[in-house]
Amino acid sequence: TDPNGYYELTVDYGWSGIVEPNAVGYLFDPNETDRTLTNVTSNTVLDLTGYLEAFIISGTILEDDAVTPIEGVTVTPENGGGYYTNKYDGGGIGVTYPNGYYEALVDYGFTGSVVPTHNAYTFDPNKIDYDNVVADATDQDYVGTMLIFSISGYIKNILDVPVEGVLVIAENGGGTDTTDADGYYEVWVPHEWSGNVTTAKEDYTFTPDDPYYADVIADRTENITAKLDADIDGNGSVEIQDLQILCGNWLMVGDLSTGDLEGSGFVDMLDISEMAEYWQK
C-alpha cells in the first residue's frame, strides 16, 4: 500500500485464491472467506479495513491478606491504551470481577502505565509500566490495602484543662486509644466505617456522649468536654458550691445532678466522701 492506502495486484485470467493483507500489528476486514476470489476474469475492487491489533493485560487484585479478592477495581491503561483501543474499545479499561480478576486492552506496541484505582484502597504497586507491548501479558497482579481514617481531638473540661487517661473506643471494628497529658486522642477506622466512638473514665461524664459517625471517608475531628461527677454545678472545679448543692439534697432520692455521686439512689455520707476525693480539682 502507498501513503494513501492504495494497493494494486496483478493476477492471471481465471485466477482463484485468497487476497492476504499483512502488516505487523494489524488485523484486517473482511475475513478470509470474503477475501477469497474465484475465477477472476476482470478487474476487481476489494477494499480492506485494517485494525491495529490489541492485546490483553490481565491479573488478579487481592487484599493484603493475600486471600480476599477486591471487586470493582478500575484498571486503566494510560492514554486509553493507544489510539485504536481508545477509539474502538472504550479506552481498554478493565474492572475486577468478584474473584479479583481483570482484563485491560492495549494497542500493539503500547508503551505506558496501567493504573488500578478504587475509592477504598491503595495499591502496591500503584502502577505497572509497559514498553512496546507485542503480546498478551498475564499475572499482572496488585495488592490492595484498605484506606483508614483517623477520628481525633482533645478531651478537656469546661476550663480547657486536659483530662488524661480517658479510654476512647471506636466500636464496630475501629481502633482504641487513651488520652495523653494534653487530652489528645486518635482512633483509626476503615473506609466507610459507621459506629459510635465511646469515652470512659471513672467519675467523669462526657459531651457529646458516644458520638455516632456514618460512612467515614475522610479524617474527622471531634473535641469532647469532660465533667467530673463531683462538679455538680459544672463550672469546671469541685468547690463549696458543689458541697452546698449536695448538702441541700441530703438524704433525698437523687442522681448525679443532685449529688448522688456513688449511685446509691439517694444523697448520703458516701457522696461527701466521693466529693472530698476531688475537692478543688
C-alpha atoms as a PDB file:
ATOM      1  CA  THR A   1       0.000   0.000   0.000  1.00  0.00           C
ATOM      2  CA  ASP A   2       1.120   3.536  -0.765  1.00  0.00           C
ATOM      3  CA  PRO A   3       0.755   6.517   1.620  1.00  0.00           C
ATOM      4  CA  ASN A   4      -2.915   6.711   0.621  1.00  0.00           C
ATOM      5  CA  GLY A   5      -3.503   3.053   1.476  1.00  0.00           C
ATOM      6  CA  TYR A   6      -3.960   2.139  -2.181  1.00  0.00           C
ATOM      7  CA  TYR A   7      -2.809  -1.235  -3.484  1.00  0.00           C
ATOM      8  CA  GLU A   8      -2.961  -2.989  -6.834  1.00  0.00           C
ATOM      9  CA  LEU A   9      -2.272  -6.650  -7.607  1.00  0.00           C
ATOM     10  CA  THR A  10      -1.949  -8.412 -10.950  1.00  0.00           C
ATOM     11  CA  VAL A  11      -3.259 -11.960 -11.370  1.00  0.00           C
ATOM     12  CA  ASP A  12      -3.730 -14.291 -14.329  1.00  0.00           C
ATOM     13  CA  TYR A  13      -7.031 -14.546 -16.172  1.00  0.00           C
ATOM     14  CA  GLY A  14      -9.221 -17.066 -14.333  1.00  0.00           C
ATOM     15  CA  TRP A  15      -7.152 -16.881 -11.135  1.00  0.00           C
ATOM     16  CA  SER A  16      -8.675 -18.179  -7.906  1.00  0.00           C
ATOM     17  CA  GLY A  17      -7.223 -17.658  -4.442  1.00  0.00           C
ATOM     18  CA  ILE A  18      -7.064 -15.520  -1.302  1.00  0.00           C
ATOM     19  CA  VAL A  19      -6.054 -11.881  -1.113  1.00  0.00           C
ATOM     20  CA  GLU A  20      -3.897 -11.813   2.019  1.00  0.00           C
ATOM     21  CA  PRO A  21      -3.026  -8.453   3.605  1.00  0.00           C
ATOM     22  CA  ASN A  22      -0.081  -8.433   6.010  1.00  0.00           C
ATOM     23  CA  ALA A  23       1.175  -5.677   8.282  1.00  0.00           C
ATOM     24  CA  VAL A  24       2.845  -6.180  11.643  1.00  0.00           C
ATOM     25  CA  GLY A  25       0.401  -5.460  14.444  1.00  0.00           C
ATOM     26  CA  TYR A  26      -2.732  -5.267  12.274  1.00  0.00           C
ATOM     27  CA  LEU A  27      -5.811  -7.388  11.708  1.00  0.00           C
ATOM     28  CA  PHE A  28      -7.973  -6.935   8.615  1.00  0.00           C
ATOM     29  CA  ASP A  29     -11.594  -6.993   7.478  1.00  0.00           C
ATOM     30  CA  PRO A  30     -13.215  -8.574   5.572  1.00  0.00           C
ATOM     31  CA  ASN A  31     -12.321 -12.029   6.832  1.00  0.00           C
ATOM     32  CA  GLU A  32     -10.515 -14.667   4.825  1.00  0.00           C
ATOM     33  CA  THR A  33     -13.712 -16.152   3.380  1.00  0.00           C
ATOM     34  CA  ASP A  34     -14.760 -12.810   1.927  1.00  0.00           C
ATOM     35  CA  ARG A  35     -11.249 -12.262   0.616  1.00  0.00           C
ATOM     36  CA  THR A  36     -11.370 -15.488  -1.394  1.00  0.00           C
ATOM     37  CA  LEU A  37     -11.846 -14.836  -5.110  1.00  0.00           C
ATOM     38  CA  THR A  38     -12.839 -17.426  -7.716  1.00  0.00           C
ATOM     39  CA  ASN A  39     -12.211 -17.365 -11.490  1.00  0.00           C
ATOM     40  CA  VAL A  40     -11.181 -13.724 -11.799  1.00  0.00           C
ATOM     41  CA  THR A  41     -11.881 -12.580 -15.384  1.00  0.00           C
ATOM     42  CA  SER A  42     -11.993  -8.799 -14.935  1.00  0.00           C
ATOM     43  CA  ASN A  43     -10.621  -6.044 -12.755  1.00  0.00           C
ATOM     44  CA  THR A  44     -11.917  -6.363  -9.199  1.00  0.00           C
ATOM     45  CA  VAL A  45     -12.100  -3.863  -6.348  1.00  0.00           C
ATOM     46  CA  LEU A  46     -11.545  -5.286  -2.851  1.00  0.00           C
ATOM     47  CA  ASP A  47     -11.309  -2.660  -0.121  1.00  0.00           C
ATOM     48  CA  LEU A  48      -9.819  -3.694   3.189  1.00  0.00           C
ATOM     49  CA  THR A  49     -10.024  -2.195   6.649  1.00  0.00           C
ATOM     50  CA  GLY A  50      -7.050  -2.582   8.976  1.00  0.00           C
ATOM     51  CA  TYR A  51      -7.312  -2.585  12.762  1.00  0.00           C
ATOM     52  CA  LEU A  52      -4.290  -2.284  14.965  1.00  0.00           C
ATOM     53  CA  GLU A  53      -4.086  -5.491  16.972  1.00  0.00           C
ATOM     54  CA  ALA A  54      -4.984  -5.272  20.660  1.00  0.00           C
ATOM     55  CA  PHE A  55      -3.526  -7.307  23.498  1.00  0.00           C
ATOM     56  CA  ILE A  56      -4.887  -8.279  26.887  1.00  0.00           C
ATOM     57  CA  ILE A  57      -3.177  -7.281  30.112  1.00  0.00           C
ATOM     58  CA  SER A  58      -4.652  -9.381  32.910  1.00  0.00           C
ATOM     59  CA  GLY A  59      -4.148 -10.300  36.531  1.00  0.00           C
ATOM     60  CA  THR A  60      -5.711 -10.550  39.965  1.00  0.00           C
ATOM     61  CA  ILE A  61      -6.076  -7.960  42.712  1.00  0.00           C
ATOM     62  CA  LEU A  62      -6.256  -9.208  46.294  1.00  0.00           C
ATOM     63  CA  GLU A  63      -6.318  -7.531  49.693  1.00  0.00           C
ATOM     64  CA  ASP A  64      -3.097  -7.530  51.687  1.00  0.00           C
ATOM     65  CA  ASP A  65      -4.098 -10.773  53.388  1.00  0.00           C
ATOM     66  CA  ALA A  66      -3.258 -12.375  50.004  1.00  0.00           C
ATOM     67  CA  VAL A  67      -6.615 -14.182  50.090  1.00  0.00           C
ATOM     68  CA  THR A  68      -9.527 -11.758  49.782  1.00  0.00           C
ATOM     69  CA  PRO A  69     -10.296 -10.586  46.212  1.00  0.00           C
ATOM     70  CA  ILE A  70     -11.215  -6.946  45.633  1.00  0.00           C
ATOM     71  CA  GLU A  71     -14.177  -6.427  43.321  1.00  0.00           C
ATOM     72  CA  GLY A  72     -14.779  -3.203  41.425  1.00  0.00           C
ATOM     73  CA  VAL A  73     -11.199  -2.018  40.984  1.00  0.00           C
ATOM     74  CA  THR A  74     -10.876   0.059  37.801  1.00  0.00           C
ATOM     75  CA  VAL A  75      -7.722  -0.775  35.844  1.00  0.00           C
ATOM     76  CA  THR A  76      -6.893   1.971  33.352  1.00  0.00           C
ATOM     77  CA  PRO A  77      -4.219   1.972  30.628  1.00  0.00           C
ATOM     78  CA  GLU A  78      -2.511   5.301  30.058  1.00  0.00           C
ATOM     79  CA  ASN A  79      -3.753   7.269  27.044  1.00  0.00           C
ATOM     80  CA  GLY A  80      -6.704   4.933  26.659  1.00  0.00           C
ATOM     81  CA  GLY A  81      -4.414   2.029  25.806  1.00  0.00           C
ATOM     82  CA  GLY A  82      -3.465   3.634  22.499  1.00  0.00           C
ATOM     83  CA  TYR A  83      -5.306   5.280  19.616  1.00  0.00           C
ATOM     84  CA  TYR A  84      -7.317   2.289  18.369  1.00  0.00           C
ATOM     85  CA  THR A  85      -8.128   0.843  21.771  1.00  0.00           C
ATOM     86  CA  ASN A  86      -9.219   4.257  22.960  1.00  0.00           C
ATOM     87  CA  LYS A  87     -11.389   4.801  19.878  1.00  0.00           C
ATOM     88  CA  TYR A  88     -12.943   1.370  19.449  1.00  0.00           C
ATOM     89  CA  ASP A  89     -12.658  -0.400  22.830  1.00  0.00           C
ATOM     90  CA  GLY A  90     -13.626   2.266  25.350  1.00  0.00           C
ATOM     91  CA  GLY A  91     -10.104   3.050  26.430  1.00  0.00           C
ATOM     92  CA  GLY A  92      -9.215  -0.538  27.265  1.00  0.00           C
ATOM     93  CA  ILE A  93     -10.415  -0.123  30.842  1.00  0.00           C
ATOM     94  CA  GLY A  94     -10.859  -3.264  32.925  1.00  0.00           C
ATOM     95  CA  VAL A  95     -12.826  -3.731  36.147  1.00  0.00           C
ATOM     96  CA  THR A  96     -12.174  -6.565  38.583  1.00  0.00           C
ATOM     97  CA  TYR A  97     -14.764  -9.311  38.922  1.00  0.00           C
ATOM     98  CA  PRO A  98     -15.860 -10.748  42.299  1.00  0.00           C
ATOM     99  CA  ASN A  99     -12.823 -13.056  42.159  1.00  0.00           C
ATOM    100  CA  GLY A 100     -10.489 -10.073  41.731  1.00  0.00           C
ATOM    101  CA  TYR A 101      -9.604 -10.888  38.120  1.00  0.00           C
ATOM    102  CA  TYR A 102      -9.351  -8.157  35.493  1.00  0.00           C
ATOM    103  CA  GLU A 103      -8.559  -7.756  31.803  1.00  0.00           C
ATOM    104  CA  ALA A 104      -7.454  -4.484  30.192  1.00  0.00           C
ATOM    105  CA  LEU A 105      -6.784  -3.892  26.485  1.00  0.00           C
ATOM    106  CA  VAL A 106      -3.923  -2.024  24.829  1.00  0.00           C
ATOM    107  CA  ASP A 107      -2.793  -1.391  21.258  1.00  0.00           C
ATOM    108  CA  TYR A 108       0.003  -3.292  19.583  1.00  0.00           C
ATOM    109  CA  GLY A 109       3.208  -1.536  20.605  1.00  0.00           C
ATOM    110  CA  PHE A 110       1.626   0.137  23.640  1.00  0.00           C
ATOM    111  CA  THR A 111       4.069   1.975  25.876  1.00  0.00           C
ATOM    112  CA  GLY A 112       2.809   3.463  29.105  1.00  0.00           C
ATOM    113  CA  SER A 113       1.416   2.728  32.557  1.00  0.00           C
ATOM    114  CA  VAL A 114      -1.577   0.725  33.721  1.00  0.00           C
ATOM    115  CA  VAL A 115      -3.060   2.088  36.945  1.00  0.00           C
ATOM    116  CA  PRO A 116      -5.523   0.451  39.406  1.00  0.00           C
ATOM    117  CA  THR A 117      -7.931   2.724  41.298  1.00  0.00           C
ATOM    118  CA  HIS A 118     -10.622   2.228  43.928  1.00  0.00           C
ATOM    119  CA  ASN A 119     -12.033   4.793  46.341  1.00  0.00           C
ATOM    120  CA  ALA A 120     -11.446   2.483  49.329  1.00  0.00           C
ATOM    121  CA  TYR A 121      -7.954   1.141  48.579  1.00  0.00           C
ATOM    122  CA  THR A 122      -4.365   1.987  47.819  1.00  0.00           C
ATOM    123  CA  PHE A 123      -2.361  -0.436  45.696  1.00  0.00           C
ATOM    124  CA  ASP A 124       1.091  -1.956  45.537  1.00  0.00           C
ATOM    125  CA  PRO A 125       2.459  -1.379  43.025  1.00  0.00           C
ATOM    126  CA  ASN A 126       0.500   1.802  42.334  1.00  0.00           C
ATOM    127  CA  LYS A 127       1.058   1.210  38.604  1.00  0.00           C
ATOM    128  CA  ILE A 128       2.866  -1.110  36.200  1.00  0.00           C
ATOM    129  CA  ASP A 129       4.856   0.318  33.300  1.00  0.00           C
ATOM    130  CA  TYR A 130       4.969  -1.343  29.864  1.00  0.00           C
ATOM    131  CA  ASP A 131       7.230  -0.815  26.880  1.00  0.00           C
ATOM    132  CA  ASN A 132       6.256  -1.849  23.341  1.00  0.00           C
ATOM    133  CA  VAL A 133       3.615  -4.490  24.121  1.00  0.00           C
ATOM    134  CA  VAL A 134       3.513  -7.119  21.348  1.00  0.00           C
ATOM    135  CA  ALA A 135       1.803  -9.992  23.210  1.00  0.00           C
ATOM    136  CA  ASP A 136      -0.733 -10.627  25.955  1.00  0.00           C
ATOM    137  CA  ALA A 137       0.610 -10.031  29.479  1.00  0.00           C
ATOM    138  CA  THR A 138      -0.725 -12.284  32.252  1.00  0.00           C
ATOM    139  CA  ASP A 139      -0.248 -12.383  36.032  1.00  0.00           C
ATOM    140  CA  GLN A 140      -0.089  -8.599  36.307  1.00  0.00           C
ATOM    141  CA  ASP A 141      -1.167  -8.640  39.933  1.00  0.00           C
ATOM    142  CA  TYR A 142      -1.683  -5.923  42.531  1.00  0.00           C
ATOM    143  CA  VAL A 143      -2.182  -5.929  46.301  1.00  0.00           C
ATOM    144  CA  GLY A 144      -4.798  -3.592  47.766  1.00  0.00           C
ATOM    145  CA  THR A 145      -4.736  -2.080  51.245  1.00  0.00           C
ATOM    146  CA  MET A 146      -7.974  -0.594  52.544  1.00  0.00           C
ATOM    147  CA  LEU A 147      -7.813   3.097  53.383  1.00  0.00           C
ATOM    148  CA  ILE A 148      -8.137   4.019  57.048  1.00  0.00           C
ATOM    149  CA  PHE A 149      -9.059   7.353  58.560  1.00  0.00           C
ATOM    150  CA  SER A 150      -8.498   8.980  61.921  1.00  0.00           C
ATOM    151  CA  ILE A 151     -11.037  10.363  64.345  1.00  0.00           C
ATOM    152  CA  SER A 152      -9.150  12.630  66.701  1.00  0.00           C
ATOM    153  CA  GLY A 153      -9.471  15.529  69.072  1.00  0.00           C
ATOM    154  CA  TYR A 154      -8.978  16.757  72.616  1.00  0.00           C
ATOM    155  CA  ILE A 155     -10.853  15.916  75.781  1.00  0.00           C
ATOM    156  CA  LYS A 156     -10.813  18.799  78.264  1.00  0.00           C
ATOM    157  CA  ASN A 157     -13.051  20.224  80.936  1.00  0.00           C
ATOM    158  CA  ILE A 158     -15.013  23.447  80.602  1.00  0.00           C
ATOM    159  CA  LEU A 159     -11.959  25.419  81.811  1.00  0.00           C
ATOM    160  CA  ASP A 160      -9.864  23.951  78.971  1.00  0.00           C
ATOM    161  CA  VAL A 161      -7.908  21.703  81.334  1.00  0.00           C
ATOM    162  CA  PRO A 162      -6.859  18.429  79.608  1.00  0.00           C
ATOM    163  CA  VAL A 163      -8.171  15.169  81.011  1.00  0.00           C
ATOM    164  CA  GLU A 164      -5.598  12.394  80.788  1.00  0.00           C
ATOM    165  CA  GLY A 165      -6.388   8.677  80.829  1.00  0.00           C
ATOM    166  CA  VAL A 166      -9.764   8.702  79.091  1.00  0.00           C
ATOM    167  CA  LEU A 167     -10.354   5.437  77.234  1.00  0.00           C
ATOM    168  CA  VAL A 168     -11.629   6.122  73.697  1.00  0.00           C
ATOM    169  CA  ILE A 169     -13.016   3.246  71.610  1.00  0.00           C
ATOM    170  CA  ALA A 170     -14.265   3.294  68.028  1.00  0.00           C
ATOM    171  CA  GLU A 171     -16.780   0.467  68.109  1.00  0.00           C
ATOM    172  CA  ASN A 172     -17.613  -1.890  65.251  1.00  0.00           C
ATOM    173  CA  GLY A 173     -14.040  -2.770  64.362  1.00  0.00           C
ATOM    174  CA  GLY A 174     -12.360   0.586  64.898  1.00  0.00           C
ATOM    175  CA  GLY A 175      -9.320   1.408  66.999  1.00  0.00           C
ATOM    176  CA  THR A 176      -8.719   2.247  70.654  1.00  0.00           C
ATOM    177  CA  ASP A 177      -6.711   4.998  72.343  1.00  0.00           C
ATOM    178  CA  THR A 178      -6.217   6.678  75.716  1.00  0.00           C
ATOM    179  CA  THR A 179      -5.871  10.430  76.070  1.00  0.00           C
ATOM    180  CA  ASP A 180      -2.374  11.727  76.804  1.00  0.00           C
ATOM    181  CA  ALA A 181      -1.321  14.537  79.134  1.00  0.00           C
ATOM    182  CA  ASP A 182      -2.674  17.055  76.619  1.00  0.00           C
ATOM    183  CA  GLY A 183      -6.033  15.298  76.473  1.00  0.00           C
ATOM    184  CA  TYR A 184      -5.390  14.250  72.872  1.00  0.00           C
ATOM    185  CA  TYR A 185      -6.801  11.048  71.390  1.00  0.00           C
ATOM    186  CA  GLU A 186      -6.697   9.447  67.942  1.00  0.00           C
ATOM    187  CA  VAL A 187      -8.517   6.322  66.815  1.00  0.00           C
ATOM    188  CA  TRP A 188      -8.459   4.753  63.362  1.00  0.00           C
ATOM    189  CA  VAL A 189     -11.367   3.359  61.374  1.00  0.00           C
ATOM    190  CA  PRO A 190     -11.660   1.675  57.945  1.00  0.00           C
ATOM    191  CA  HIS A 191     -13.169   3.270  54.845  1.00  0.00           C
ATOM    192  CA  GLU A 192     -16.945   3.854  55.101  1.00  0.00           C
ATOM    193  CA  TRP A 193     -16.911   2.856  58.775  1.00  0.00           C
ATOM    194  CA  SER A 194     -20.041   3.575  60.787  1.00  0.00           C
ATOM    195  CA  GLY A 195     -20.351   3.397  64.541  1.00  0.00           C
ATOM    196  CA  ASN A 196     -20.056   5.125  67.913  1.00  0.00           C
ATOM    197  CA  VAL A 197     -16.902   6.489  69.476  1.00  0.00           C
ATOM    198  CA  THR A 198     -17.229   5.857  73.205  1.00  0.00           C
ATOM    199  CA  THR A 199     -15.392   7.626  76.028  1.00  0.00           C
ATOM    200  CA  ALA A 200     -14.896   6.308  79.536  1.00  0.00           C
ATOM    201  CA  LYS A 201     -13.122   7.347  82.719  1.00  0.00           C
ATOM    202  CA  GLU A 202     -14.270   6.670  86.252  1.00  0.00           C
ATOM    203  CA  ASP A 203     -16.208   9.544  87.840  1.00  0.00           C
ATOM    204  CA  TYR A 204     -16.486  11.502  84.587  1.00  0.00           C
ATOM    205  CA  THR A 205     -19.246  12.199  82.093  1.00  0.00           C
ATOM    206  CA  PHE A 206     -18.654  13.438  78.554  1.00  0.00           C
ATOM    207  CA  THR A 207     -20.307  15.714  75.999  1.00  0.00           C
ATOM    208  CA  PRO A 208     -21.044  14.711  73.315  1.00  0.00           C
ATOM    209  CA  ASP A 209     -21.766  11.287  74.734  1.00  0.00           C
ATOM    210  CA  ASP A 210     -20.659   8.447  72.417  1.00  0.00           C
ATOM    211  CA  PRO A 211     -20.972  10.411  69.140  1.00  0.00           C
ATOM    212  CA  TYR A 212     -22.085   8.409  66.094  1.00  0.00           C
ATOM    213  CA  TYR A 213     -20.340   8.544  62.709  1.00  0.00           C
ATOM    214  CA  ALA A 214     -21.762   7.278  59.415  1.00  0.00           C
ATOM    215  CA  ASP A 215     -19.815   6.206  56.315  1.00  0.00           C
ATOM    216  CA  VAL A 216     -16.494   7.797  57.232  1.00  0.00           C
ATOM    217  CA  ILE A 217     -14.482   8.593  54.084  1.00  0.00           C
ATOM    218  CA  ALA A 218     -12.126  11.257  55.461  1.00  0.00           C
ATOM    219  CA  ASP A 219     -10.318  12.150  58.673  1.00  0.00           C
ATOM    220  CA  ARG A 220     -12.643  13.599  61.301  1.00  0.00           C
ATOM    221  CA  THR A 221     -12.086  15.842  64.316  1.00  0.00           C
ATOM    222  CA  GLU A 222     -14.220  15.818  67.467  1.00  0.00           C
ATOM    223  CA  ASN A 223     -13.351  17.693  70.649  1.00  0.00           C
ATOM    224  CA  ILE A 224     -15.115  16.415  73.752  1.00  0.00           C
ATOM    225  CA  THR A 225     -15.897  18.148  77.031  1.00  0.00           C
ATOM    226  CA  ALA A 226     -15.337  16.165  80.227  1.00  0.00           C
ATOM    227  CA  LYS A 227     -17.018  16.865  83.563  1.00  0.00           C
ATOM    228  CA  LEU A 228     -16.241  15.385  86.946  1.00  0.00           C
ATOM    229  CA  ASP A 229     -19.352  13.927  88.514  1.00  0.00           C
ATOM    230  CA  ALA A 230     -18.446  15.781  91.721  1.00  0.00           C
ATOM    231  CA  ASP A 231     -18.523  19.090  89.814  1.00  0.00           C
ATOM    232  CA  ILE A 232     -22.267  19.295  90.277  1.00  0.00           C
ATOM    233  CA  ASP A 233     -22.673  22.889  89.112  1.00  0.00           C
ATOM    234  CA  GLY A 234     -20.480  22.225  86.061  1.00  0.00           C
ATOM    235  CA  ASN A 235     -18.171  25.222  86.482  1.00  0.00           C
ATOM    236  CA  GLY A 236     -15.004  23.159  85.984  1.00  0.00           C
ATOM    237  CA  SER A 237     -13.904  22.591  89.590  1.00  0.00           C
ATOM    238  CA  VAL A 238     -15.146  20.898  92.751  1.00  0.00           C
ATOM    239  CA  GLU A 239     -15.668  23.515  95.471  1.00  0.00           C
ATOM    240  CA  ILE A 240     -18.014  24.864  98.115  1.00  0.00           C
ATOM    241  CA  GLN A 241     -20.902  25.480  95.714  1.00  0.00           C
ATOM    242  CA  ASP A 242     -20.978  21.782  94.845  1.00  0.00           C
ATOM    243  CA  LEU A 243     -20.942  20.814  98.526  1.00  0.00           C
ATOM    244  CA  GLN A 244     -23.830  23.191  99.177  1.00  0.00           C
ATOM    245  CA  ILE A 245     -25.883  21.512  96.435  1.00  0.00           C
ATOM    246  CA  LEU A 246     -25.107  18.094  97.879  1.00  0.00           C
ATOM    247  CA  CYS A 247     -25.975  19.109 101.435  1.00  0.00           C
ATOM    248  CA  GLY A 248     -29.149  20.802 100.253  1.00  0.00           C
ATOM    249  CA  ASN A 249     -30.306  17.428  98.947  1.00  0.00           C
ATOM    250  CA  TRP A 250     -29.206  15.438 101.986  1.00  0.00           C
ATOM    251  CA  LEU A 251     -30.886  12.027 102.258  1.00  0.00           C
ATOM    252  CA  MET A 252     -33.060  12.812  99.275  1.00  0.00           C
ATOM    253  CA  VAL A 253     -33.589  10.474  96.379  1.00  0.00           C
ATOM    254  CA  GLY A 254     -31.410  11.804  93.594  1.00  0.00           C
ATOM    255  CA  ASP A 255     -28.940  11.387  90.786  1.00  0.00           C
ATOM    256  CA  LEU A 256     -25.654  12.953  89.728  1.00  0.00           C
ATOM    257  CA  SER A 257     -27.277  16.346  89.284  1.00  0.00           C
ATOM    258  CA  THR A 258     -28.362  16.430  92.942  1.00  0.00           C
ATOM    259  CA  GLY A 259     -25.213  14.911  94.472  1.00  0.00           C
ATOM    260  CA  ASP A 260     -25.749  11.137  94.351  1.00  0.00           C
ATOM    261  CA  LEU A 261     -22.149  10.586  93.244  1.00  0.00           C
ATOM    262  CA  GLU A 262     -21.991   6.952  94.354  1.00  0.00           C
ATOM    263  CA  GLY A 263     -25.161   5.993  92.529  1.00  0.00           C
ATOM    264  CA  SER A 264     -26.888   4.557  95.575  1.00  0.00           C
ATOM    265  CA  GLY A 265     -30.150   6.293  94.731  1.00  0.00           C
ATOM    266  CA  PHE A 266     -30.011   8.953  97.445  1.00  0.00           C
ATOM    267  CA  VAL A 267     -27.555  11.512  98.843  1.00  0.00           C
ATOM    268  CA  ASP A 268     -25.546  10.455 101.921  1.00  0.00           C
ATOM    269  CA  MET A 269     -22.101  10.368 103.548  1.00  0.00           C
ATOM    270  CA  LEU A 270     -20.678   8.175 100.791  1.00  0.00           C
ATOM    271  CA  ASP A 271     -21.264  11.019  98.371  1.00  0.00           C
ATOM    272  CA  ILE A 272     -19.461  13.501 100.629  1.00  0.00           C
ATOM    273  CA  SER A 273     -16.522  11.092 100.761  1.00  0.00           C
ATOM    274  CA  GLU A 274     -16.537  10.885  96.976  1.00  0.00           C
ATOM    275  CA  MET A 275     -16.615  14.673  96.658  1.00  0.00           C
ATOM    276  CA  ALA A 276     -13.708  15.025  99.085  1.00  0.00           C
ATOM    277  CA  GLU A 277     -11.567  12.891  96.785  1.00  0.00           C
ATOM    278  CA  TYR A 278     -11.850  15.524  94.054  1.00  0.00           C
ATOM    279  CA  TRP A 279     -12.034  18.644  96.228  1.00  0.00           C
ATOM    280  CA  GLN A 280     -10.813  21.740  94.379  1.00  0.00           C
ATOM    281  CA  LYS A 281      -9.711  19.711  91.353  1.00  0.00           C
END
